[in-house]
Amino acid sequence: MLRVLNLKGCIVTIDAMGCQKHIASEISAAQAGYVLALKGNQGTMYEGVLEFMEAALAAGFPEIAHDFLEVIERGHGRSETRRYWVCDDIDWLTQCSQWKGLRSAAMVESIREIQGK
């Protein structure tokens, strides 16, 4: 049980295995925030976020409030580009009310080139 830990004011990060409604609820009850990795383990929510983010990206996020960050790292014959999009307007997400404390959705794109490939 997460309440054993003092999480007040912390941000908890968990991989896709921990992306569960009851875990989000426990973290929120402990007065903490969370970043949960959403993958196929949350079928309809995953599909909804994926469809929204891909459509918004393809259209250039027209009239959709969002933040974007791109980070490029180079070294040792490698280049890695990571792009992040975050959208705080999640009223379109029908499952939003089921996730206590949910405030945004994000997408990450990672591209790695090694020796030009």
Protein backbone atom coordinates (compact mmCIF):
# COMPACT_ATOMS: atom_id res chain seq x y z
CA MET A 1 0.00 0.00 0.00
CA LEU A 2 1.44 3.34 -1.04
CA ARG A 3 0.27 5.23 2.04
CA VAL A 4 3.09 3.61 4.01
CA LEU A 5 5.43 5.95 2.13
CA ASN A 6 5.32 9.71 2.68
CA LEU A 7 4.66 10.83 -0.90
CA LYS A 8 3.11 14.21 -0.13
CA GLY A 9 4.29 16.73 -2.72
CA CYS A 10 6.23 14.11 -4.71
CA ILE A 11 5.78 13.02 -8.31
CA VAL A 12 5.72 9.24 -8.70
CA THR A 13 6.81 7.71 -12.01
CA ILE A 14 5.83 4.16 -12.94
CA ASP A 15 6.26 2.13 -16.12
CA ALA A 16 3.31 0.68 -18.04
CA MET A 17 2.88 -2.23 -15.63
CA GLY A 18 1.93 0.26 -12.89
CA CYS A 19 -0.54 2.18 -15.05
CA GLN A 20 -3.61 1.14 -13.08
CA LYS A 21 -6.57 3.19 -11.83
CA HIS A 22 -6.22 2.01 -8.24
CA ILE A 23 -2.52 2.96 -8.21
CA ALA A 24 -3.35 6.46 -9.52
CA SER A 25 -6.00 6.74 -6.81
CA GLU A 26 -3.57 5.69 -4.06
CA ILE A 27 -0.96 8.18 -5.25
CA SER A 28 -3.53 10.98 -5.33
CA ALA A 29 -4.78 10.02 -1.86
CA ALA A 30 -1.19 10.40 -0.64
CA GLN A 31 -1.27 14.01 -1.96
CA ALA A 32 1.25 13.26 -4.69
CA GLY A 33 1.26 13.53 -8.46
CA TYR A 34 2.05 10.84 -10.97
CA VAL A 35 3.46 10.15 -14.41
CA LEU A 36 2.28 6.76 -15.65
CA ALA A 37 3.49 5.16 -18.86
CA LEU A 38 0.48 4.32 -20.99
CA LYS A 39 0.86 1.46 -23.44
CA GLY A 40 -1.42 -1.24 -24.77
CA ASN A 41 -2.12 -2.42 -21.21
CA GLN A 42 -4.90 0.17 -21.05
CA GLY A 43 -6.64 -0.69 -24.34
CA THR A 44 -9.36 1.91 -24.92
CA MET A 45 -7.57 4.70 -23.08
CA TYR A 46 -4.35 4.00 -24.97
CA GLU A 47 -6.20 4.00 -28.29
CA GLY A 48 -8.02 7.24 -27.42
CA VAL A 49 -4.85 9.09 -26.45
CA LEU A 50 -2.96 7.70 -29.44
CA GLU A 51 -5.68 8.73 -31.91
CA PHE A 52 -5.95 12.23 -30.44
CA MET A 53 -2.20 12.86 -30.28
CA GLU A 54 -1.50 11.46 -33.76
CA ALA A 55 -4.33 13.50 -35.31
CA ALA A 56 -3.23 16.65 -33.48
CA LEU A 57 0.37 16.10 -34.55
CA ALA A 58 -0.57 15.48 -38.19
CA ALA A 59 -2.61 18.70 -38.22
CA GLY A 60 0.07 20.71 -36.38
CA PHE A 61 -1.94 21.03 -33.14
CA PRO A 62 -4.35 23.65 -34.53
CA GLU A 63 -5.99 25.58 -31.68
CA ILE A 64 -4.93 22.88 -29.21
CA ALA A 65 -3.01 24.21 -26.23
CA HIS A 66 0.10 22.10 -25.77
CA ASP A 67 3.77 22.17 -24.88
CA PHE A 68 6.59 20.75 -26.98
CA LEU A 69 10.23 19.95 -26.24
CA GLU A 70 12.89 18.45 -28.47
CA VAL A 71 16.18 17.15 -27.11
CA ILE A 72 19.05 16.02 -29.36
CA GLU A 73 22.05 14.22 -27.90
CA ARG A 74 25.09 13.23 -29.92
CA GLY A 75 28.15 11.26 -28.97
CA HIS A 76 30.12 8.09 -29.57
CA GLY A 77 28.78 7.71 -33.12
CA ARG A 78 25.17 7.95 -31.98
CA SER A 79 22.49 10.58 -32.27
CA GLU A 80 19.29 10.39 -30.27
CA THR A 81 16.38 12.74 -30.77
CA ARG A 82 13.52 12.78 -28.31
CA ARG A 83 10.38 14.82 -28.88
CA TYR A 84 7.76 15.42 -26.21
CA TRP A 85 4.22 16.76 -26.59
CA VAL A 86 2.02 17.49 -23.58
CA CYS A 87 -1.63 18.52 -23.65
CA ASP A 88 -3.41 19.69 -20.47
CA ASP A 89 -6.81 19.98 -22.16
CA ILE A 90 -8.04 16.41 -21.79
CA ASP A 91 -11.82 16.94 -21.81
CA TRP A 92 -11.93 14.79 -24.96
CA LEU A 93 -10.67 11.81 -22.96
CA THR A 94 -13.79 9.88 -21.93
CA GLN A 95 -11.95 7.85 -19.26
CA CYS A 96 -10.62 10.97 -17.51
CA SER A 97 -13.00 10.74 -14.56
CA GLN A 98 -11.87 7.17 -13.84
CA TRP A 99 -8.29 8.29 -13.13
CA LYS A 100 -8.10 10.32 -9.93
CA GLY A 101 -5.77 13.29 -10.33
CA LEU A 102 -5.32 12.94 -14.10
CA ARG A 103 -4.38 16.35 -15.51
CA SER A 104 -2.67 15.83 -18.86
CA ALA A 105 -1.73 13.43 -21.63
CA ALA A 106 1.64 13.27 -23.33
CA MET A 107 3.40 11.55 -26.19
CA VAL A 108 7.10 10.81 -26.62
CA GLU A 109 8.88 10.08 -29.89
CA SER A 110 12.40 8.70 -29.72
CA ILE A 111 14.70 8.31 -32.73
CA ARG A 112 18.15 6.76 -32.41
CA GLU A 113 20.74 6.77 -35.19
CA ILE A 114 23.89 4.71 -34.88
CA GLN A 115 26.61 5.21 -37.48
CA GLY A 116 24.08 6.97 -39.76
CA LYS A 117 21.48 4.20 -39.59
